[in-house]
Amino acid sequence: MLSIYRLPNMLPGEKVVKVMRRDTFILFKKVLLFAVLLILPLVFFYLVLSTNSDFVSSEFFYPLLVLGVSAYYLFIWLFFFFSFIDYYLDVWIITSERIIDIQQKGFFSRVIAEQKLTRVQDVTSETSGMIPTIFKYGDVHIQTAGEVQRFNFQEVPHPDEVRDLIIKLVQRKRKEKPQEEF
C-alpha cells in the first residue's frame, strides 16, 4: 500500500512538502447528491400512494416494485462508492525533489506519474466560477519538459498557494543544481 510518508523510490534527502486531494466541498457535493437520490424513491412512493393505493397492493406490481427499488439503491450505492474511491485515491504529492500525480481511473486502474522539479517549466493556477471562488478551490496546471507534458491538479484547495509553493521549490532546486538542464 502506498503511504504518503514513505514513498516508493524516495530519493536521498527527499521530504514530503504537501499532500493534496480534491477540496472537501467536492466530496460534500457528492454526498448531497447521494442523499437526494436516496430520498427520490420515497417521494415517488408518496406520490403513487396518494393518487392510487390499489396499484401498489397488486400481485404483479409489488415484486416488480421491490426488484426495481433494490436495483435502484444498488446502483446509487455503487455510484457513491465509486465517487468516494475516486475522491480519496486521487492524490497529488509535492516533495522537495519531485511532483507525483496519482490518478484512480476506475476501480481497478491507477495511473502514477512523477516529474522532477528541475523539469518544471510553467505553473498556472485557475479558479473559475462563483462557487470555486467562494470556497477557494481550483486547478493547478504544471507544464513540464517530460513525457507527461502537463500535470493537472484538479479542484485542489487554495490553488494560488500551491502554485506559489511549487514555484518556490523549483527556484530553490535550480539554485542548488544549476548544472541540470530542464
C-alpha atoms as a PDB file:
ATOM      1  CA  MET A   1       0.000   0.000   0.000  1.00  0.00           C
ATOM      2  CA  LEU A   2       1.215   3.479  -0.839  1.00  0.00           C
ATOM      3  CA  SER A   3       1.967   5.599   2.208  1.00  0.00           C
ATOM      4  CA  ILE A   4       2.416   9.325   1.815  1.00  0.00           C
ATOM      5  CA  TYR A   5       5.085   9.324   4.497  1.00  0.00           C
ATOM      6  CA  ARG A   6       7.156   6.512   2.976  1.00  0.00           C
ATOM      7  CA  LEU A   7       7.051   6.890  -0.776  1.00  0.00           C
ATOM      8  CA  PRO A   8       8.491   4.191  -3.010  1.00  0.00           C
ATOM      9  CA  ASN A   9      11.768   5.116  -4.731  1.00  0.00           C
ATOM     10  CA  MET A  10      12.303   8.008  -2.346  1.00  0.00           C
ATOM     11  CA  LEU A  11      15.389   9.988  -3.280  1.00  0.00           C
ATOM     12  CA  PRO A  12      18.128  10.732  -0.725  1.00  0.00           C
ATOM     13  CA  GLY A  13      17.195  13.794   1.326  1.00  0.00           C
ATOM     14  CA  GLU A  14      13.730  13.992  -0.221  1.00  0.00           C
ATOM     15  CA  LYS A  15      10.951  15.255   2.056  1.00  0.00           C
ATOM     16  CA  VAL A  16       7.210  15.365   1.525  1.00  0.00           C
ATOM     17  CA  VAL A  17       6.226  19.047   1.411  1.00  0.00           C
ATOM     18  CA  LYS A  18       2.495  18.864   0.656  1.00  0.00           C
ATOM     19  CA  VAL A  19      -0.117  16.177   0.047  1.00  0.00           C
ATOM     20  CA  MET A  20      -3.339  17.239  -1.657  1.00  0.00           C
ATOM     21  CA  ARG A  21      -6.694  15.779  -2.541  1.00  0.00           C
ATOM     22  CA  ARG A  22      -9.661  17.465  -4.094  1.00  0.00           C
ATOM     23  CA  ASP A  23     -11.323  20.056  -1.876  1.00  0.00           C
ATOM     24  CA  THR A  24     -13.722  18.689   0.757  1.00  0.00           C
ATOM     25  CA  PHE A  25     -16.516  20.747  -0.809  1.00  0.00           C
ATOM     26  CA  ILE A  26     -16.333  18.404  -3.818  1.00  0.00           C
ATOM     27  CA  LEU A  27     -16.966  15.427  -1.527  1.00  0.00           C
ATOM     28  CA  PHE A  28     -19.779  17.363   0.171  1.00  0.00           C
ATOM     29  CA  LYS A  29     -21.458  17.946  -3.215  1.00  0.00           C
ATOM     30  CA  LYS A  30     -21.302  14.210  -3.966  1.00  0.00           C
ATOM     31  CA  VAL A  31     -22.731  13.290  -0.546  1.00  0.00           C
ATOM     32  CA  LEU A  32     -25.530  15.824  -1.030  1.00  0.00           C
ATOM     33  CA  LEU A  33     -26.355  14.358  -4.442  1.00  0.00           C
ATOM     34  CA  PHE A  34     -26.303  10.876  -2.891  1.00  0.00           C
ATOM     35  CA  ALA A  35     -28.762  11.986  -0.174  1.00  0.00           C
ATOM     36  CA  VAL A  36     -31.126  13.482  -2.757  1.00  0.00           C
ATOM     37  CA  LEU A  37     -31.003  10.293  -4.829  1.00  0.00           C
ATOM     38  CA  LEU A  38     -31.773   8.233  -1.705  1.00  0.00           C
ATOM     39  CA  ILE A  39     -34.873  10.310  -0.940  1.00  0.00           C
ATOM     40  CA  LEU A  40     -36.205  10.249  -4.517  1.00  0.00           C
ATOM     41  CA  PRO A  41     -37.931   6.812  -4.247  1.00  0.00           C
ATOM     42  CA  LEU A  42     -39.670   7.901  -1.042  1.00  0.00           C
ATOM     43  CA  VAL A  43     -41.130  10.904  -2.839  1.00  0.00           C
ATOM     44  CA  PHE A  44     -42.170   8.655  -5.725  1.00  0.00           C
ATOM     45  CA  PHE A  45     -43.916   6.207  -3.348  1.00  0.00           C
ATOM     46  CA  TYR A  46     -45.713   9.036  -1.600  1.00  0.00           C
ATOM     47  CA  LEU A  47     -46.999  10.359  -4.922  1.00  0.00           C
ATOM     48  CA  VAL A  48     -48.100   6.886  -6.083  1.00  0.00           C
ATOM     49  CA  LEU A  49     -49.830   6.067  -2.785  1.00  0.00           C
ATOM     50  CA  SER A  50     -51.611   9.396  -2.624  1.00  0.00           C
ATOM     51  CA  THR A  51     -53.029   9.023  -6.139  1.00  0.00           C
ATOM     52  CA  ASN A  52     -53.724   5.273  -6.400  1.00  0.00           C
ATOM     53  CA  SER A  53     -53.280   2.967  -3.414  1.00  0.00           C
ATOM     54  CA  ASP A  54     -54.762  -0.098  -5.234  1.00  0.00           C
ATOM     55  CA  PHE A  55     -51.905  -0.025  -7.705  1.00  0.00           C
ATOM     56  CA  VAL A  56     -49.280  -0.792  -5.009  1.00  0.00           C
ATOM     57  CA  SER A  57     -51.212  -3.723  -3.486  1.00  0.00           C
ATOM     58  CA  SER A  58     -51.453  -5.641  -6.782  1.00  0.00           C
ATOM     59  CA  GLU A  59     -49.757  -9.078  -7.007  1.00  0.00           C
ATOM     60  CA  PHE A  60     -47.824  -8.128 -10.102  1.00  0.00           C
ATOM     61  CA  PHE A  61     -46.699  -4.679  -9.030  1.00  0.00           C
ATOM     62  CA  TYR A  62     -45.274  -5.429  -5.564  1.00  0.00           C
ATOM     63  CA  PRO A  63     -42.473  -7.862  -6.659  1.00  0.00           C
ATOM     64  CA  LEU A  64     -41.659  -5.588  -9.572  1.00  0.00           C
ATOM     65  CA  LEU A  65     -41.517  -2.649  -7.188  1.00  0.00           C
ATOM     66  CA  VAL A  66     -39.172  -4.470  -4.768  1.00  0.00           C
ATOM     67  CA  LEU A  67     -36.894  -5.508  -7.645  1.00  0.00           C
ATOM     68  CA  GLY A  68     -36.814  -2.012  -9.106  1.00  0.00           C
ATOM     69  CA  VAL A  69     -36.140  -0.275  -5.790  1.00  0.00           C
ATOM     70  CA  SER A  70     -33.415  -2.806  -4.913  1.00  0.00           C
ATOM     71  CA  ALA A  71     -31.696  -2.288  -8.268  1.00  0.00           C
ATOM     72  CA  TYR A  72     -32.008   1.488  -7.890  1.00  0.00           C
ATOM     73  CA  TYR A  73     -30.445   1.523  -4.408  1.00  0.00           C
ATOM     74  CA  LEU A  74     -27.695  -0.856  -5.519  1.00  0.00           C
ATOM     75  CA  PHE A  75     -26.861   1.458  -8.415  1.00  0.00           C
ATOM     76  CA  ILE A  76     -26.891   4.513  -6.137  1.00  0.00           C
ATOM     77  CA  TRP A  77     -24.643   2.795  -3.586  1.00  0.00           C
ATOM     78  CA  LEU A  78     -22.222   1.795  -6.348  1.00  0.00           C
ATOM     79  CA  PHE A  79     -22.232   5.361  -7.679  1.00  0.00           C
ATOM     80  CA  PHE A  80     -21.479   6.779  -4.241  1.00  0.00           C
ATOM     81  CA  PHE A  81     -18.771   4.194  -3.534  1.00  0.00           C
ATOM     82  CA  PHE A  82     -17.090   4.900  -6.874  1.00  0.00           C
ATOM     83  CA  SER A  83     -17.281   8.660  -6.248  1.00  0.00           C
ATOM     84  CA  PHE A  84     -15.700   8.297  -2.820  1.00  0.00           C
ATOM     85  CA  ILE A  85     -12.939   5.990  -4.144  1.00  0.00           C
ATOM     86  CA  ASP A  86     -12.202   8.478  -6.917  1.00  0.00           C
ATOM     87  CA  TYR A  87     -12.072  11.341  -4.406  1.00  0.00           C
ATOM     88  CA  TYR A  88      -9.935   9.515  -1.839  1.00  0.00           C
ATOM     89  CA  LEU A  89      -7.427   7.834  -4.148  1.00  0.00           C
ATOM     90  CA  ASP A  90      -6.711  10.827  -6.409  1.00  0.00           C
ATOM     91  CA  VAL A  91      -3.655  12.275  -4.659  1.00  0.00           C
ATOM     92  CA  TRP A  92      -1.079  14.861  -5.618  1.00  0.00           C
ATOM     93  CA  ILE A  93       2.183  14.890  -3.682  1.00  0.00           C
ATOM     94  CA  ILE A  94       4.765  17.652  -3.777  1.00  0.00           C
ATOM     95  CA  THR A  95       8.156  16.730  -2.380  1.00  0.00           C
ATOM     96  CA  SER A  96      11.419  18.630  -2.158  1.00  0.00           C
ATOM     97  CA  GLU A  97      12.616  16.824  -5.323  1.00  0.00           C
ATOM     98  CA  ARG A  98       9.601  15.972  -7.489  1.00  0.00           C
ATOM     99  CA  ILE A  99       5.870  16.173  -8.142  1.00  0.00           C
ATOM    100  CA  ILE A 100       3.807  12.969  -8.028  1.00  0.00           C
ATOM    101  CA  ASP A 101       0.366  12.688  -9.622  1.00  0.00           C
ATOM    102  CA  ILE A 102      -1.714   9.629  -8.623  1.00  0.00           C
ATOM    103  CA  GLN A 103      -4.997   9.252 -10.514  1.00  0.00           C
ATOM    104  CA  GLN A 104      -7.529   6.486  -9.941  1.00  0.00           C
ATOM    105  CA  LYS A 105      -9.166   5.590 -13.275  1.00  0.00           C
ATOM    106  CA  GLY A 106     -11.977   3.250 -12.260  1.00  0.00           C
ATOM    107  CA  PHE A 107     -11.973   0.558  -9.613  1.00  0.00           C
ATOM    108  CA  PHE A 108      -9.011  -1.428 -10.903  1.00  0.00           C
ATOM    109  CA  SER A 109      -6.875   1.077 -12.781  1.00  0.00           C
ATOM    110  CA  ARG A 110      -4.436   3.645 -11.443  1.00  0.00           C
ATOM    111  CA  VAL A 111      -2.020   5.974 -13.210  1.00  0.00           C
ATOM    112  CA  ILE A 112       1.014   7.313 -11.345  1.00  0.00           C
ATOM    113  CA  ALA A 113       3.171   9.981 -12.968  1.00  0.00           C
ATOM    114  CA  GLU A 114       6.073  11.867 -11.477  1.00  0.00           C
ATOM    115  CA  GLN A 115       8.354  14.636 -12.599  1.00  0.00           C
ATOM    116  CA  LYS A 116      11.456  16.203 -11.112  1.00  0.00           C
ATOM    117  CA  LEU A 117      11.131  19.823 -10.052  1.00  0.00           C
ATOM    118  CA  THR A 118      14.039  20.812 -12.299  1.00  0.00           C
ATOM    119  CA  ARG A 119      11.933  19.883 -15.349  1.00  0.00           C
ATOM    120  CA  VAL A 120       9.030  22.194 -14.448  1.00  0.00           C
ATOM    121  CA  GLN A 121       8.698  24.999 -16.994  1.00  0.00           C
ATOM    122  CA  ASP A 122       5.477  26.774 -16.066  1.00  0.00           C
ATOM    123  CA  VAL A 123       2.927  26.670 -13.239  1.00  0.00           C
ATOM    124  CA  THR A 124      -0.561  28.145 -13.609  1.00  0.00           C
ATOM    125  CA  SER A 125      -3.473  28.259 -11.183  1.00  0.00           C
ATOM    126  CA  GLU A 126      -7.057  28.632 -12.316  1.00  0.00           C
ATOM    127  CA  THR A 127     -10.207  29.374 -10.336  1.00  0.00           C
ATOM    128  CA  SER A 128     -13.281  29.767 -12.480  1.00  0.00           C
ATOM    129  CA  GLY A 129     -16.850  30.147 -11.337  1.00  0.00           C
ATOM    130  CA  MET A 130     -18.648  31.652  -8.381  1.00  0.00           C
ATOM    131  CA  ILE A 131     -18.649  28.578  -6.093  1.00  0.00           C
ATOM    132  CA  PRO A 132     -14.935  27.754  -6.582  1.00  0.00           C
ATOM    133  CA  THR A 133     -14.099  31.414  -5.905  1.00  0.00           C
ATOM    134  CA  ILE A 134     -16.169  31.469  -2.708  1.00  0.00           C
ATOM    135  CA  PHE A 135     -14.800  28.170  -1.397  1.00  0.00           C
ATOM    136  CA  LYS A 136     -11.266  28.884  -2.690  1.00  0.00           C
ATOM    137  CA  TYR A 137     -10.587  25.800  -4.771  1.00  0.00           C
ATOM    138  CA  GLY A 138      -9.452  25.405  -8.348  1.00  0.00           C
ATOM    139  CA  ASP A 139      -6.989  23.777 -10.706  1.00  0.00           C
ATOM    140  CA  VAL A 140      -3.211  23.954 -10.871  1.00  0.00           C
ATOM    141  CA  HIS A 141      -1.578  23.254 -14.241  1.00  0.00           C
ATOM    142  CA  ILE A 142       2.111  22.357 -14.331  1.00  0.00           C
ATOM    143  CA  GLN A 143       3.890  22.425 -17.690  1.00  0.00           C
ATOM    144  CA  THR A 144       6.954  20.171 -17.760  1.00  0.00           C
ATOM    145  CA  ALA A 145       9.661  19.121 -20.182  1.00  0.00           C
ATOM    146  CA  GLY A 146       8.998  15.422 -19.662  1.00  0.00           C
ATOM    147  CA  GLU A 147       6.938  12.733 -21.344  1.00  0.00           C
ATOM    148  CA  VAL A 148       3.791  13.802 -19.463  1.00  0.00           C
ATOM    149  CA  GLN A 149       3.914  17.438 -20.502  1.00  0.00           C
ATOM    150  CA  ARG A 150       1.135  18.770 -18.337  1.00  0.00           C
ATOM    151  CA  PHE A 151       0.184  17.807 -14.800  1.00  0.00           C
ATOM    152  CA  ASN A 152      -3.284  18.880 -13.714  1.00  0.00           C
ATOM    153  CA  PHE A 153      -4.181  19.137 -10.041  1.00  0.00           C
ATOM    154  CA  GLN A 154      -7.962  19.346 -10.236  1.00  0.00           C
ATOM    155  CA  GLU A 155     -10.189  21.083  -7.689  1.00  0.00           C
ATOM    156  CA  VAL A 156      -7.486  21.458  -5.037  1.00  0.00           C
ATOM    157  CA  PRO A 157      -7.885  23.867  -2.107  1.00  0.00           C
ATOM    158  CA  HIS A 158      -6.057  27.203  -2.397  1.00  0.00           C
ATOM    159  CA  PRO A 159      -4.604  26.764  -5.901  1.00  0.00           C
ATOM    160  CA  ASP A 160      -2.707  30.081  -5.759  1.00  0.00           C
ATOM    161  CA  GLU A 161      -0.802  28.964  -2.662  1.00  0.00           C
ATOM    162  CA  VAL A 162       0.004  25.615  -4.308  1.00  0.00           C
ATOM    163  CA  ARG A 163       1.282  27.422  -7.417  1.00  0.00           C
ATOM    164  CA  ASP A 164       3.465  29.712  -5.295  1.00  0.00           C
ATOM    165  CA  LEU A 165       4.817  26.737  -3.328  1.00  0.00           C
ATOM    166  CA  ILE A 166       5.777  24.863  -6.494  1.00  0.00           C
ATOM    167  CA  ILE A 167       7.429  27.946  -7.999  1.00  0.00           C
ATOM    168  CA  LYS A 168       9.403  28.497  -4.790  1.00  0.00           C
ATOM    169  CA  LEU A 169      10.540  24.853  -4.711  1.00  0.00           C
ATOM    170  CA  VAL A 170      11.534  24.959  -8.397  1.00  0.00           C
ATOM    171  CA  GLN A 171      13.569  28.140  -7.888  1.00  0.00           C
ATOM    172  CA  ARG A 172      15.280  26.676  -4.824  1.00  0.00           C
ATOM    173  CA  LYS A 173      16.084  23.454  -6.701  1.00  0.00           C
ATOM    174  CA  ARG A 174      17.519  25.364  -9.667  1.00  0.00           C
ATOM    175  CA  LYS A 175      19.756  27.394  -7.361  1.00  0.00           C
ATOM    176  CA  GLU A 176      21.020  24.184  -5.730  1.00  0.00           C
ATOM    177  CA  LYS A 177      21.678  22.391  -9.033  1.00  0.00           C
ATOM    178  CA  PRO A 178      22.227  24.927 -11.802  1.00  0.00           C
ATOM    179  CA  GLN A 179      24.082  22.376 -13.951  1.00  0.00           C
ATOM    180  CA  GLU A 180      20.929  20.289 -14.575  1.00  0.00           C
ATOM    181  CA  GLU A 181      19.080  21.290 -17.696  1.00  0.00           C
ATOM    182  CA  PHE A 182      15.331  21.416 -17.802  1.00  0.00           C
END
